[in-house]
């Protein structure tokens, strides 16, 4: 029976970081923190990335999840730089989808508005 509770505790410890909800306050605080880093300021100079950072729910969720206390560590900073770059590139590519219409052989552009998150942030 004790083994069952240990296993359950281990599973909970593993899954807990993936279930974290973030608030708008945490997101804004983390954006302010990230502005100290040149790599993030470079992202903000790009209008498409800036728009995603301030408006896209998935990008904002990733930013809100970061641990400000760990950002001073080079490895954690690099990890988050990679995560933010990855989600920005993914979102930028998924914004516009060019669909080849087989009947007319013309290209049409469709706006894709999908989100990985199902619920808005906590206020």
PDB file of N, CA and C in Angstrom:
ATOM      1  N   UNK A   1       0.819  -1.190   0.000  1.00  0.00           N
ATOM      2  CA  UNK A   1       0.000   0.000   0.000  1.00  0.00           C
ATOM      3  C   UNK A   1       0.863   1.254   0.000  1.00  0.00           C
ATOM      4  N   UNK A   2       1.952   1.232   0.780  1.00  0.00           N
ATOM      5  CA  UNK A   2       2.868   2.369   0.840  1.00  0.00           C
ATOM      6  C   UNK A   2       3.518   2.626  -0.511  1.00  0.00           C
ATOM      7  N   UNK A   3       3.807   1.554  -1.245  1.00  0.00           N
ATOM      8  CA  UNK A   3       4.396   1.670  -2.575  1.00  0.00           C
ATOM      9  C   UNK A   3       3.446   2.382  -3.533  1.00  0.00           C
ATOM     10  N   UNK A   4       2.153   2.102  -3.385  1.00  0.00           N
ATOM     11  CA  UNK A   4       1.142   2.741  -4.219  1.00  0.00           C
ATOM     12  C   UNK A   4       1.151   4.258  -4.018  1.00  0.00           C
ATOM     13  N   UNK A   5       1.208   4.694  -2.750  1.00  0.00           N
ATOM     14  CA  UNK A   5       1.212   6.125  -2.455  1.00  0.00           C
ATOM     15  C   UNK A   5       2.505   6.792  -2.928  1.00  0.00           C
ATOM     16  N   UNK A   6       3.623   6.081  -2.835  1.00  0.00           N
ATOM     17  CA  UNK A   6       4.893   6.619  -3.335  1.00  0.00           C
ATOM     18  C   UNK A   6       4.818   6.808  -4.853  1.00  0.00           C
ATOM     19  N   UNK A   7       4.268   5.817  -5.531  1.00  0.00           N
ATOM     20  CA  UNK A   7       4.118   5.894  -6.978  1.00  0.00           C
ATOM     21  C   UNK A   7       3.193   7.036  -7.362  1.00  0.00           C
ATOM     22  N   UNK A   8       2.079   7.157  -6.657  1.00  0.00           N
ATOM     23  CA  UNK A   8       1.123   8.236  -6.907  1.00  0.00           C
ATOM     24  C   UNK A   8       1.766   9.602  -6.670  1.00  0.00           C
ATOM     25  N   UNK A   9       2.553   9.728  -5.618  1.00  0.00           N
ATOM     26  CA  UNK A   9       3.265  10.972  -5.320  1.00  0.00           C
ATOM     27  C   UNK A   9       4.281  11.314  -6.399  1.00  0.00           C
ATOM     28  N   UNK A  10       4.979  10.314  -6.901  1.00  0.00           N
ATOM     29  CA  UNK A  10       5.962  10.529  -7.968  1.00  0.00           C
ATOM     30  C   UNK A  10       5.291  11.011  -9.246  1.00  0.00           C
ATOM     31  N   UNK A  11       4.167  10.398  -9.567  1.00  0.00           N
ATOM     32  CA  UNK A  11       3.424  10.808 -10.759  1.00  0.00           C
ATOM     33  C   UNK A  11       2.935  12.242 -10.610  1.00  0.00           C
ATOM     34  N   UNK A  12       2.413  12.574  -9.420  1.00  0.00           N
ATOM     35  CA  UNK A  12       1.948  13.934  -9.159  1.00  0.00           C
ATOM     36  C   UNK A  12       3.073  14.942  -9.263  1.00  0.00           C
ATOM     37  N   UNK A  13       4.250  14.602  -8.748  1.00  0.00           N
ATOM     38  CA  UNK A  13       5.407  15.492  -8.823  1.00  0.00           C
ATOM     39  C   UNK A  13       5.821  15.712 -10.271  1.00  0.00           C
ATOM     40  N   UNK A  14       5.729  14.672 -11.073  1.00  0.00           N
ATOM     41  CA  UNK A  14       6.104  14.787 -12.485  1.00  0.00           C
ATOM     42  C   UNK A  14       5.102  15.634 -13.269  1.00  0.00           C
ATOM     43  N   UNK A  15       3.816  15.453 -13.016  1.00  0.00           N
ATOM     44  CA  UNK A  15       2.783  16.136 -13.792  1.00  0.00           C
ATOM     45  C   UNK A  15       2.475  17.548 -13.322  1.00  0.00           C
ATOM     46  N   UNK A  16       2.760  17.888 -12.088  1.00  0.00           N
ATOM     47  CA  UNK A  16       2.407  19.190 -11.529  1.00  0.00           C
ATOM     48  C   UNK A  16       2.940  20.366 -12.342  1.00  0.00           C
ATOM     49  N   UNK A  17       4.194  20.370 -12.786  1.00  0.00           N
ATOM     50  CA  UNK A  17       4.666  21.519 -13.567  1.00  0.00           C
ATOM     51  C   UNK A  17       3.894  21.726 -14.868  1.00  0.00           C
ATOM     52  N   UNK A  18       3.328  20.671 -15.428  1.00  0.00           N
ATOM     53  CA  UNK A  18       2.602  20.785 -16.684  1.00  0.00           C
ATOM     54  C   UNK A  18       1.182  21.315 -16.492  1.00  0.00           C
ATOM     55  N   UNK A  19       0.714  21.348 -15.271  1.00  0.00           N
ATOM     56  CA  UNK A  19      -0.652  21.776 -14.996  1.00  0.00           C
ATOM     57  C   UNK A  19      -0.726  23.206 -14.462  1.00  0.00           C
ATOM     58  N   UNK A  20       0.410  23.875 -14.368  1.00  0.00           N
ATOM     59  CA  UNK A  20       0.451  25.210 -13.785  1.00  0.00           C
ATOM     60  C   UNK A  20      -0.375  26.203 -14.600  1.00  0.00           C
ATOM     61  N   UNK A  21      -1.243  26.916 -13.912  1.00  0.00           N
ATOM     62  CA  UNK A  21      -1.984  28.010 -14.540  1.00  0.00           C
ATOM     63  C   UNK A  21      -1.226  29.295 -14.265  1.00  0.00           C
ATOM     64  N   UNK A  22      -1.312  30.228 -15.177  1.00  0.00           N
ATOM     65  CA  UNK A  22      -0.611  31.494 -15.015  1.00  0.00           C
ATOM     66  C   UNK A  22      -1.605  32.636 -15.078  1.00  0.00           C
ATOM     67  N   UNK A  23      -1.269  33.724 -14.421  1.00  0.00           N
ATOM     68  CA  UNK A  23      -2.144  34.896 -14.411  1.00  0.00           C
ATOM     69  C   UNK A  23      -1.552  35.965 -15.326  1.00  0.00           C
ATOM     70  N   UNK A  24      -2.368  36.908 -15.705  1.00  0.00           N
ATOM     71  CA  UNK A  24      -1.902  38.032 -16.528  1.00  0.00           C
ATOM     72  C   UNK A  24      -0.817  38.805 -15.796  1.00  0.00           C
ATOM     73  N   UNK A  25      -0.953  38.901 -14.484  1.00  0.00           N
ATOM     74  CA  UNK A  25       0.051  39.614 -13.681  1.00  0.00           C
ATOM     75  C   UNK A  25       1.415  38.930 -13.793  1.00  0.00           C
ATOM     76  N   UNK A  26       1.438  37.589 -13.713  1.00  0.00           N
ATOM     77  CA  UNK A  26       2.691  36.840 -13.844  1.00  0.00           C
ATOM     78  C   UNK A  26       3.286  37.030 -15.237  1.00  0.00           C
ATOM     79  N   UNK A  27       2.441  37.015 -16.237  1.00  0.00           N
ATOM     80  CA  UNK A  27       2.914  37.179 -17.614  1.00  0.00           C
ATOM     81  C   UNK A  27       3.560  38.549 -17.789  1.00  0.00           C
ATOM     82  N   UNK A  28       2.888  39.597 -17.345  1.00  0.00           N
ATOM     83  CA  UNK A  28       3.427  40.956 -17.491  1.00  0.00           C
ATOM     84  C   UNK A  28       4.717  41.129 -16.699  1.00  0.00           C
ATOM     85  N   UNK A  29       4.767  40.543 -15.515  1.00  0.00           N
ATOM     86  CA  UNK A  29       5.981  40.608 -14.694  1.00  0.00           C
ATOM     87  C   UNK A  29       7.141  39.901 -15.405  1.00  0.00           C
ATOM     88  N   UNK A  30       6.857  38.758 -16.009  1.00  0.00           N
ATOM     89  CA  UNK A  30       7.896  38.007 -16.714  1.00  0.00           C
ATOM     90  C   UNK A  30       8.340  38.716 -17.991  1.00  0.00           C
ATOM     91  N   UNK A  31       7.424  39.390 -18.674  1.00  0.00           N
ATOM     92  CA  UNK A  31       7.805  40.163 -19.862  1.00  0.00           C
ATOM     93  C   UNK A  31       8.752  41.283 -19.451  1.00  0.00           C
ATOM     94  N   UNK A  32       8.448  41.948 -18.339  1.00  0.00           N
ATOM     95  CA  UNK A  32       9.333  43.003 -17.831  1.00  0.00           C
ATOM     96  C   UNK A  32      10.713  42.434 -17.513  1.00  0.00           C
ATOM     97  N   UNK A  33      10.753  41.256 -16.900  1.00  0.00           N
ATOM     98  CA  UNK A  33      12.017  40.593 -16.595  1.00  0.00           C
ATOM     99  C   UNK A  33      12.776  40.243 -17.873  1.00  0.00           C
ATOM    100  N   UNK A  34      12.064  39.704 -18.853  1.00  0.00           N
ATOM    101  CA  UNK A  34      12.700  39.283 -20.105  1.00  0.00           C
ATOM    102  C   UNK A  34      13.276  40.453 -20.895  1.00  0.00           C
ATOM    103  N   UNK A  35      12.735  41.638 -20.687  1.00  0.00           N
ATOM    104  CA  UNK A  35      13.241  42.815 -21.396  1.00  0.00           C
ATOM    105  C   UNK A  35      14.673  43.165 -21.005  1.00  0.00           C
ATOM    106  N   UNK A  36      15.177  42.560 -19.955  1.00  0.00           N
ATOM    107  CA  UNK A  36      16.582  42.764 -19.562  1.00  0.00           C
ATOM    108  C   UNK A  36      17.554  42.044 -20.497  1.00  0.00           C
ATOM    109  N   UNK A  37      17.026  41.090 -21.264  1.00  0.00           N
ATOM    110  CA  UNK A  37      17.881  40.249 -22.106  1.00  0.00           C
ATOM    111  C   UNK A  37      17.814  40.696 -23.562  1.00  0.00           C
ATOM    112  N   UNK A  38      18.980  40.806 -24.165  1.00  0.00           N
ATOM    113  CA  UNK A  38      19.080  41.278 -25.545  1.00  0.00           C
ATOM    114  C   UNK A  38      18.311  40.382 -26.513  1.00  0.00           C
ATOM    115  N   UNK A  39      18.358  39.073 -26.311  1.00  0.00           N
ATOM    116  CA  UNK A  39      17.674  38.161 -27.231  1.00  0.00           C
ATOM    117  C   UNK A  39      16.169  38.407 -27.238  1.00  0.00           C
ATOM    118  N   UNK A  40      15.598  38.793 -26.076  1.00  0.00           N
ATOM    119  CA  UNK A  40      14.170  39.066 -26.023  1.00  0.00           C
ATOM    120  C   UNK A  40      13.854  40.417 -26.660  1.00  0.00           C
ATOM    121  N   UNK A  41      14.723  41.389 -26.437  1.00  0.00           N
ATOM    122  CA  UNK A  41      14.521  42.709 -27.040  1.00  0.00           C
ATOM    123  C   UNK A  41      14.563  42.598 -28.573  1.00  0.00           C
ATOM    124  N   UNK A  42      15.401  41.707 -29.074  1.00  0.00           N
ATOM    125  CA  UNK A  42      15.457  41.464 -30.522  1.00  0.00           C
ATOM    126  C   UNK A  42      14.120  40.921 -31.017  1.00  0.00           C
ATOM    127  N   UNK A  43      13.505  40.049 -30.229  1.00  0.00           N
ATOM    128  CA  UNK A  43      12.187  39.514 -30.599  1.00  0.00           C
ATOM    129  C   UNK A  43      11.141  40.629 -30.629  1.00  0.00           C
ATOM    130  N   UNK A  44      11.214  41.543 -29.677  1.00  0.00           N
ATOM    131  CA  UNK A  44      10.246  42.642 -29.618  1.00  0.00           C
ATOM    132  C   UNK A  44      10.411  43.634 -30.769  1.00  0.00           C
ATOM    133  N   UNK A  45      11.601  43.697 -31.357  1.00  0.00           N
ATOM    134  CA  UNK A  45      11.824  44.587 -32.499  1.00  0.00           C
ATOM    135  C   UNK A  45      11.104  44.086 -33.752  1.00  0.00           C
ATOM    136  N   UNK A  46      10.863  42.789 -33.810  1.00  0.00           N
ATOM    137  CA  UNK A  46      10.127  42.193 -34.918  1.00  0.00           C
ATOM    138  C   UNK A  46       8.636  42.383 -34.645  1.00  0.00           C
ATOM    139  N   UNK A  47       7.937  43.117 -35.504  1.00  0.00           N
ATOM    140  CA  UNK A  47       6.523  43.450 -35.271  1.00  0.00           C
ATOM    141  C   UNK A  47       5.636  42.210 -35.160  1.00  0.00           C
ATOM    142  N   UNK A  48       5.891  41.191 -35.980  1.00  0.00           N
ATOM    143  CA  UNK A  48       5.077  39.972 -35.911  1.00  0.00           C
ATOM    144  C   UNK A  48       5.274  39.260 -34.577  1.00  0.00           C
ATOM    145  N   UNK A  49       6.531  39.193 -34.136  1.00  0.00           N
ATOM    146  CA  UNK A  49       6.818  38.549 -32.856  1.00  0.00           C
ATOM    147  C   UNK A  49       6.250  39.369 -31.698  1.00  0.00           C
ATOM    148  N   UNK A  50       6.381  40.665 -31.788  1.00  0.00           N
ATOM    149  CA  UNK A  50       5.844  41.542 -30.736  1.00  0.00           C
ATOM    150  C   UNK A  50       4.337  41.347 -30.604  1.00  0.00           C
ATOM    151  N   UNK A  51       3.657  41.278 -31.735  1.00  0.00           N
ATOM    152  CA  UNK A  51       2.213  41.056 -31.737  1.00  0.00           C
ATOM    153  C   UNK A  51       1.869  39.708 -31.084  1.00  0.00           C
ATOM    154  N   UNK A  52       2.632  38.684 -31.394  1.00  0.00           N
ATOM    155  CA  UNK A  52       2.388  37.373 -30.789  1.00  0.00           C
ATOM    156  C   UNK A  52       2.659  37.400 -29.282  1.00  0.00           C
ATOM    157  N   UNK A  53       3.725  38.065 -28.870  1.00  0.00           N
ATOM    158  CA  UNK A  53       4.085  38.133 -27.450  1.00  0.00           C
ATOM    159  C   UNK A  53       2.986  38.815 -26.645  1.00  0.00           C
ATOM    160  N   UNK A  54       2.405  39.871 -27.192  1.00  0.00           N
ATOM    161  CA  UNK A  54       1.403  40.619 -26.439  1.00  0.00           C
ATOM    162  C   UNK A  54      -0.032  40.129 -26.650  1.00  0.00           C
ATOM    163  N   UNK A  55      -0.278  39.307 -27.675  1.00  0.00           N
ATOM    164  CA  UNK A  55      -1.658  38.934 -27.974  1.00  0.00           C
ATOM    165  C   UNK A  55      -1.954  37.442 -28.055  1.00  0.00           C
ATOM    166  N   UNK A  56      -0.961  36.612 -28.305  1.00  0.00           N
ATOM    167  CA  UNK A  56      -1.222  35.187 -28.498  1.00  0.00           C
ATOM    168  C   UNK A  56      -1.243  34.453 -27.160  1.00  0.00           C
ATOM    169  N   UNK A  57      -2.296  33.717 -26.929  1.00  0.00           N
ATOM    170  CA  UNK A  57      -2.509  33.040 -25.643  1.00  0.00           C
ATOM    171  C   UNK A  57      -1.447  31.980 -25.360  1.00  0.00           C
ATOM    172  N   UNK A  58      -0.992  31.258 -26.369  1.00  0.00           N
ATOM    173  CA  UNK A  58       0.006  30.205 -26.166  1.00  0.00           C
ATOM    174  C   UNK A  58       1.385  30.783 -25.872  1.00  0.00           C
ATOM    175  N   UNK A  59       1.760  31.823 -26.595  1.00  0.00           N
ATOM    176  CA  UNK A  59       3.051  32.469 -26.358  1.00  0.00           C
ATOM    177  C   UNK A  59       3.058  33.072 -24.955  1.00  0.00           C
ATOM    178  N   UNK A  60       1.983  33.725 -24.593  1.00  0.00           N
ATOM    179  CA  UNK A  60       1.886  34.344 -23.265  1.00  0.00           C
ATOM    180  C   UNK A  60       1.900  33.289 -22.152  1.00  0.00           C
ATOM    181  N   UNK A  61       1.315  32.128 -22.414  1.00  0.00           N
ATOM    182  CA  UNK A  61       1.346  31.039 -21.431  1.00  0.00           C
ATOM    183  C   UNK A  61       2.780  30.580 -21.184  1.00  0.00           C
ATOM    184  N   UNK A  62       3.549  30.397 -22.253  1.00  0.00           N
ATOM    185  CA  UNK A  62       4.952  29.982 -22.120  1.00  0.00           C
ATOM    186  C   UNK A  62       5.727  31.019 -21.316  1.00  0.00           C
ATOM    187  N   UNK A  63       5.505  32.291 -21.620  1.00  0.00           N
ATOM    188  CA  UNK A  63       6.194  33.365 -20.896  1.00  0.00           C
ATOM    189  C   UNK A  63       5.769  33.363 -19.422  1.00  0.00           C
ATOM    190  N   UNK A  64       4.505  33.157 -19.159  1.00  0.00           N
ATOM    191  CA  UNK A  64       4.005  33.155 -17.790  1.00  0.00           C
ATOM    192  C   UNK A  64       4.515  32.004 -16.955  1.00  0.00           C
ATOM    193  N   UNK A  65       4.857  30.888 -17.597  1.00  0.00           N
ATOM    194  CA  UNK A  65       5.327  29.706 -16.873  1.00  0.00           C
ATOM    195  C   UNK A  65       6.763  29.816 -16.403  1.00  0.00           C
ATOM    196  N   UNK A  66       7.542  30.721 -16.983  1.00  0.00           N
ATOM    197  CA  UNK A  66       8.958  30.750 -16.618  1.00  0.00           C
ATOM    198  C   UNK A  66       9.146  31.127 -15.151  1.00  0.00           C
ATOM    199  N   UNK A  67      10.210  30.612 -14.574  1.00  0.00           N
ATOM    200  CA  UNK A  67      10.538  30.862 -13.173  1.00  0.00           C
ATOM    201  C   UNK A  67      11.541  32.008 -13.117  1.00  0.00           C
ATOM    202  N   UNK A  68      11.123  33.198 -12.656  1.00  0.00           N
ATOM    203  CA  UNK A  68      12.019  34.354 -12.658  1.00  0.00           C
ATOM    204  C   UNK A  68      13.289  34.142 -11.828  1.00  0.00           C
ATOM    205  N   UNK A  69      13.206  33.344 -10.781  1.00  0.00           N
ATOM    206  CA  UNK A  69      14.378  33.108  -9.924  1.00  0.00           C
ATOM    207  C   UNK A  69      15.469  32.322 -10.654  1.00  0.00           C
ATOM    208  N   UNK A  70      15.064  31.513 -11.628  1.00  0.00           N
ATOM    209  CA  UNK A  70      16.023  30.678 -12.351  1.00  0.00           C
ATOM    210  C   UNK A  70      16.611  31.357 -13.595  1.00  0.00           C
ATOM    211  N   UNK A  71      16.060  32.500 -13.981  1.00  0.00           N
ATOM    212  CA  UNK A  71      16.498  33.147 -15.228  1.00  0.00           C
ATOM    213  C   UNK A  71      17.954  33.598 -15.195  1.00  0.00           C
ATOM    214  N   UNK A  72      18.525  33.771 -14.017  1.00  0.00           N
ATOM    215  CA  UNK A  72      19.932  34.161 -13.907  1.00  0.00           C
ATOM    216  C   UNK A  72      20.867  33.022 -14.306  1.00  0.00           C
ATOM    217  N   UNK A  73      20.368  31.785 -14.224  1.00  0.00           N
ATOM    218  CA  UNK A  73      21.181  30.628 -14.626  1.00  0.00           C
ATOM    219  C   UNK A  73      21.244  30.578 -16.148  1.00  0.00           C
ATOM    220  N   UNK A  74      22.432  30.463 -16.675  1.00  0.00           N
ATOM    221  CA  UNK A  74      22.644  30.458 -18.120  1.00  0.00           C
ATOM    222  C   UNK A  74      21.870  29.323 -18.798  1.00  0.00           C
ATOM    223  N   UNK A  75      21.870  28.136 -18.189  1.00  0.00           N
ATOM    224  CA  UNK A  75      21.189  26.993 -18.811  1.00  0.00           C
ATOM    225  C   UNK A  75      19.678  27.220 -18.877  1.00  0.00           C
ATOM    226  N   UNK A  76      19.103  27.767 -17.809  1.00  0.00           N
ATOM    227  CA  UNK A  76      17.654  28.025 -17.793  1.00  0.00           C
ATOM    228  C   UNK A  76      17.304  29.143 -18.770  1.00  0.00           C
ATOM    229  N   UNK A  77      18.151  30.163 -18.814  1.00  0.00           N
ATOM    230  CA  UNK A  77      17.953  31.278 -19.739  1.00  0.00           C
ATOM    231  C   UNK A  77      17.970  30.764 -21.182  1.00  0.00           C
ATOM    232  N   UNK A  78      18.951  29.920 -21.493  1.00  0.00           N
ATOM    233  CA  UNK A  78      19.042  29.348 -22.842  1.00  0.00           C
ATOM    234  C   UNK A  78      17.829  28.478 -23.158  1.00  0.00           C
ATOM    235  N   UNK A  79      17.370  27.723 -22.159  1.00  0.00           N
ATOM    236  CA  UNK A  79      16.199  26.866 -22.340  1.00  0.00           C
ATOM    237  C   UNK A  79      14.976  27.710 -22.699  1.00  0.00           C
ATOM    238  N   UNK A  80      14.769  28.808 -21.974  1.00  0.00           N
ATOM    239  CA  UNK A  80      13.606  29.642 -22.241  1.00  0.00           C
ATOM    240  C   UNK A  80      13.750  30.443 -23.528  1.00  0.00           C
ATOM    241  N   UNK A  81      14.973  30.813 -23.849  1.00  0.00           N
ATOM    242  CA  UNK A  81      15.197  31.488 -25.122  1.00  0.00           C
ATOM    243  C   UNK A  81      14.788  30.550 -26.261  1.00  0.00           C
ATOM    244  N   UNK A  82      15.189  29.292 -26.161  1.00  0.00           N
ATOM    245  CA  UNK A  82      14.834  28.297 -27.167  1.00  0.00           C
ATOM    246  C   UNK A  82      13.321  28.079 -27.216  1.00  0.00           C
ATOM    247  N   UNK A  83      12.680  27.950 -26.035  1.00  0.00           N
ATOM    248  CA  UNK A  83      11.230  27.721 -25.979  1.00  0.00           C
ATOM    249  C   UNK A  83      10.454  28.868 -26.614  1.00  0.00           C
ATOM    250  N   UNK A  84      10.829  30.085 -26.276  1.00  0.00           N
ATOM    251  CA  UNK A  84      10.120  31.252 -26.801  1.00  0.00           C
ATOM    252  C   UNK A  84      10.353  31.377 -28.303  1.00  0.00           C
ATOM    253  N   UNK A  85      11.595  31.183 -28.745  1.00  0.00           N
ATOM    254  CA  UNK A  85      11.870  31.228 -30.189  1.00  0.00           C
ATOM    255  C   UNK A  85      11.073  30.167 -30.930  1.00  0.00           C
ATOM    256  N   UNK A  86      11.009  28.973 -30.355  1.00  0.00           N
ATOM    257  CA  UNK A  86      10.304  27.862 -30.994  1.00  0.00           C
ATOM    258  C   UNK A  86       8.813  28.156 -31.146  1.00  0.00           C
ATOM    259  N   UNK A  87       8.168  28.631 -30.077  1.00  0.00           N
ATOM    260  CA  UNK A  87       6.725  28.905 -30.151  1.00  0.00           C
ATOM    261  C   UNK A  87       6.449  30.081 -31.079  1.00  0.00           C
ATOM    262  N   UNK A  88       7.339  31.088 -31.088  1.00  0.00           N
ATOM    263  CA  UNK A  88       7.137  32.221 -31.996  1.00  0.00           C
ATOM    264  C   UNK A  88       7.227  31.777 -33.453  1.00  0.00           C
ATOM    265  N   UNK A  89       8.213  30.940 -33.768  1.00  0.00           N
ATOM    266  CA  UNK A  89       8.357  30.449 -35.141  1.00  0.00           C
ATOM    267  C   UNK A  89       7.163  29.577 -35.534  1.00  0.00           C
ATOM    268  N   UNK A  90       6.747  28.723 -34.628  1.00  0.00           N
ATOM    269  CA  UNK A  90       5.611  27.837 -34.899  1.00  0.00           C
ATOM    270  C   UNK A  90       4.341  28.645 -35.148  1.00  0.00           C
ATOM    271  N   UNK A  91       4.108  29.643 -34.312  1.00  0.00           N
ATOM    272  CA  UNK A  91       2.917  30.481 -34.448  1.00  0.00           C
ATOM    273  C   UNK A  91       2.977  31.329 -35.718  1.00  0.00           C
ATOM    274  N   UNK A  92       4.141  31.851 -36.021  1.00  0.00           N
ATOM    275  CA  UNK A  92       4.290  32.675 -37.215  1.00  0.00           C
ATOM    276  C   UNK A  92       4.004  31.843 -38.470  1.00  0.00           C
ATOM    277  N   UNK A  93       4.468  30.608 -38.483  1.00  0.00           N
ATOM    278  CA  UNK A  93       4.242  29.738 -39.633  1.00  0.00           C
ATOM    279  C   UNK A  93       2.794  29.280 -39.729  1.00  0.00           C
ATOM    280  N   UNK A  94       2.127  29.109 -38.592  1.00  0.00           N
ATOM    281  CA  UNK A  94       0.762  28.603 -38.630  1.00  0.00           C
ATOM    282  C   UNK A  94      -0.276  29.700 -38.827  1.00  0.00           C
ATOM    283  N   UNK A  95       0.135  30.962 -38.791  1.00  0.00           N
ATOM    284  CA  UNK A  95      -0.818  32.058 -38.967  1.00  0.00           C
ATOM    285  C   UNK A  95      -1.421  32.069 -40.365  1.00  0.00           C
ATOM    286  N   UNK A  96      -0.587  31.876 -41.325  1.00  0.00           N
ATOM    287  CA  UNK A  96      -1.088  31.869 -42.700  1.00  0.00           C
ATOM    288  C   UNK A  96      -0.802  30.521 -43.335  1.00  0.00           C
ATOM    289  N   UNK A  97      -1.806  29.949 -43.882  1.00  0.00           N
ATOM    290  CA  UNK A  97      -1.673  28.656 -44.559  1.00  0.00           C
ATOM    291  C   UNK A  97      -2.073  28.850 -46.008  1.00  0.00           C
ATOM    292  N   UNK A  98      -1.154  28.514 -46.887  1.00  0.00           N
ATOM    293  CA  UNK A  98      -1.467  28.639 -48.304  1.00  0.00           C
ATOM    294  C   UNK A  98      -2.003  27.303 -48.779  1.00  0.00           C
ATOM    295  N   UNK A  99      -3.205  27.364 -49.268  1.00  0.00           N
ATOM    296  CA  UNK A  99      -3.893  26.157 -49.705  1.00  0.00           C
ATOM    297  C   UNK A  99      -3.993  26.185 -51.225  1.00  0.00           C
ATOM    298  N   UNK A 100      -3.566  25.118 -51.831  1.00  0.00           N
ATOM    299  CA  UNK A 100      -3.670  25.011 -53.278  1.00  0.00           C
ATOM    300  C   UNK A 100      -5.043  24.435 -53.616  1.00  0.00           C
ATOM    301  N   UNK A 101      -5.824  25.233 -54.307  1.00  0.00           N
ATOM    302  CA  UNK A 101      -7.152  24.796 -54.702  1.00  0.00           C
ATOM    303  C   UNK A 101      -6.986  23.903 -55.934  1.00  0.00           C
ATOM    304  N   UNK A 102      -7.324  22.627 -55.807  1.00  0.00           N
ATOM    305  CA  UNK A 102      -7.101  21.659 -56.879  1.00  0.00           C
ATOM    306  C   UNK A 102      -7.975  21.936 -58.103  1.00  0.00           C
ATOM    307  N   UNK A 103      -9.150  22.493 -57.910  1.00  0.00           N
ATOM    308  CA  UNK A 103     -10.041  22.744 -59.039  1.00  0.00           C
ATOM    309  C   UNK A 103      -9.559  23.895 -59.913  1.00  0.00           C
ATOM    310  N   UNK A 104      -9.095  24.971 -59.296  1.00  0.00           N
ATOM    311  CA  UNK A 104      -8.713  26.144 -60.081  1.00  0.00           C
ATOM    312  C   UNK A 104      -7.206  26.340 -60.157  1.00  0.00           C
ATOM    313  N   UNK A 105      -6.454  25.539 -59.416  1.00  0.00           N
ATOM    314  CA  UNK A 105      -5.002  25.656 -59.342  1.00  0.00           C
ATOM    315  C   UNK A 105      -4.560  27.055 -58.901  1.00  0.00           C
ATOM    316  N   UNK A 106      -5.387  27.729 -58.132  1.00  0.00           N
ATOM    317  CA  UNK A 106      -5.029  29.038 -57.598  1.00  0.00           C
ATOM    318  C   UNK A 106      -4.739  28.891 -56.111  1.00  0.00           C
ATOM    319  N   UNK A 107      -3.881  29.756 -55.637  1.00  0.00           N
ATOM    320  CA  UNK A 107      -3.550  29.736 -54.220  1.00  0.00           C
ATOM    321  C   UNK A 107      -4.488  30.679 -53.487  1.00  0.00           C
ATOM    322  N   UNK A 108      -4.960  30.222 -52.339  1.00  0.00           N
ATOM    323  CA  UNK A 108      -5.753  31.095 -51.491  1.00  0.00           C
ATOM    324  C   UNK A 108      -5.168  31.059 -50.092  1.00  0.00           C
ATOM    325  N   UNK A 109      -5.282  32.147 -49.378  1.00  0.00           N
ATOM    326  CA  UNK A 109      -4.718  32.248 -48.041  1.00  0.00           C
ATOM    327  C   UNK A 109      -5.841  32.208 -47.018  1.00  0.00           C
ATOM    328  N   UNK A 110      -5.686  31.325 -46.049  1.00  0.00           N
ATOM    329  CA  UNK A 110      -6.670  31.202 -44.981  1.00  0.00           C
ATOM    330  C   UNK A 110      -6.005  31.518 -43.651  1.00  0.00           C
ATOM    331  N   UNK A 111      -6.660  32.304 -42.833  1.00  0.00           N
ATOM    332  CA  UNK A 111      -6.147  32.622 -41.508  1.00  0.00           C
ATOM    333  C   UNK A 111      -6.483  31.480 -40.569  1.00  0.00           C
ATOM    334  N   UNK A 112      -5.474  31.017 -39.859  1.00  0.00           N
ATOM    335  CA  UNK A 112      -5.668  29.932 -38.924  1.00  0.00           C
ATOM    336  C   UNK A 112      -5.647  30.523 -37.522  1.00  0.00           C
ATOM    337  N   UNK A 113      -6.671  30.277 -36.768  1.00  0.00           N
ATOM    338  CA  UNK A 113      -6.720  30.786 -35.400  1.00  0.00           C
ATOM    339  C   UNK A 113      -6.971  29.618 -34.471  1.00  0.00           C
ATOM    340  N   UNK A 114      -5.901  28.944 -34.130  1.00  0.00           N
ATOM    341  CA  UNK A 114      -6.013  27.832 -33.205  1.00  0.00           C
ATOM    342  C   UNK A 114      -5.182  28.142 -31.978  1.00  0.00           C
ATOM    343  N   UNK A 115      -5.521  27.495 -30.899  1.00  0.00           N
ATOM    344  CA  UNK A 115      -4.793  27.677 -29.665  1.00  0.00           C
ATOM    345  C   UNK A 115      -4.591  26.319 -29.027  1.00  0.00           C
ATOM    346  N   UNK A 116      -3.428  26.136 -28.413  1.00  0.00           N
ATOM    347  CA  UNK A 116      -3.157  24.898 -27.712  1.00  0.00           C
ATOM    348  C   UNK A 116      -3.902  24.878 -26.381  1.00  0.00           C
ATOM    349  N   UNK A 117      -4.156  26.055 -25.841  1.00  0.00           N
ATOM    350  CA  UNK A 117      -4.822  26.166 -24.547  1.00  0.00           C
ATOM    351  C   UNK A 117      -6.321  26.210 -24.752  1.00  0.00           C
ATOM    352  N   UNK A 118      -7.041  25.628 -23.829  1.00  0.00           N
ATOM    353  CA  UNK A 118      -8.485  25.588 -23.945  1.00  0.00           C
ATOM    354  C   UNK A 118      -9.171  26.671 -23.122  1.00  0.00           C
ATOM    355  N   UNK A 119      -8.489  27.210 -22.104  1.00  0.00           N
ATOM    356  CA  UNK A 119      -9.110  28.191 -21.244  1.00  0.00           C
ATOM    357  C   UNK A 119      -8.269  29.457 -21.205  1.00  0.00           C
ATOM    358  N   UNK A 120      -8.888  30.607 -20.984  1.00  0.00           N
ATOM    359  CA  UNK A 120      -8.126  31.837 -20.840  1.00  0.00           C
ATOM    360  C   UNK A 120      -7.373  31.846 -19.515  1.00  0.00           C
ATOM    361  N   UNK A 121      -6.483  32.815 -19.352  1.00  0.00           N
ATOM    362  CA  UNK A 121      -5.700  32.937 -18.137  1.00  0.00           C
ATOM    363  C   UNK A 121      -6.545  33.390 -16.973  1.00  0.00           C
ATOM    364  N   UNK A 122      -6.037  33.110 -15.777  1.00  0.00           N
ATOM    365  CA  UNK A 122      -6.675  33.609 -14.566  1.00  0.00           C
ATOM    366  C   UNK A 122      -6.462  35.102 -14.490  1.00  0.00           C
ATOM    367  N   UNK A 123      -7.408  35.829 -13.961  1.00  0.00           N
ATOM    368  CA  UNK A 123      -7.266  37.291 -13.773  1.00  0.00           C
ATOM    369  C   UNK A 123      -6.671  37.570 -12.424  1.00  0.00           C
TER     370      UNK A 123
END
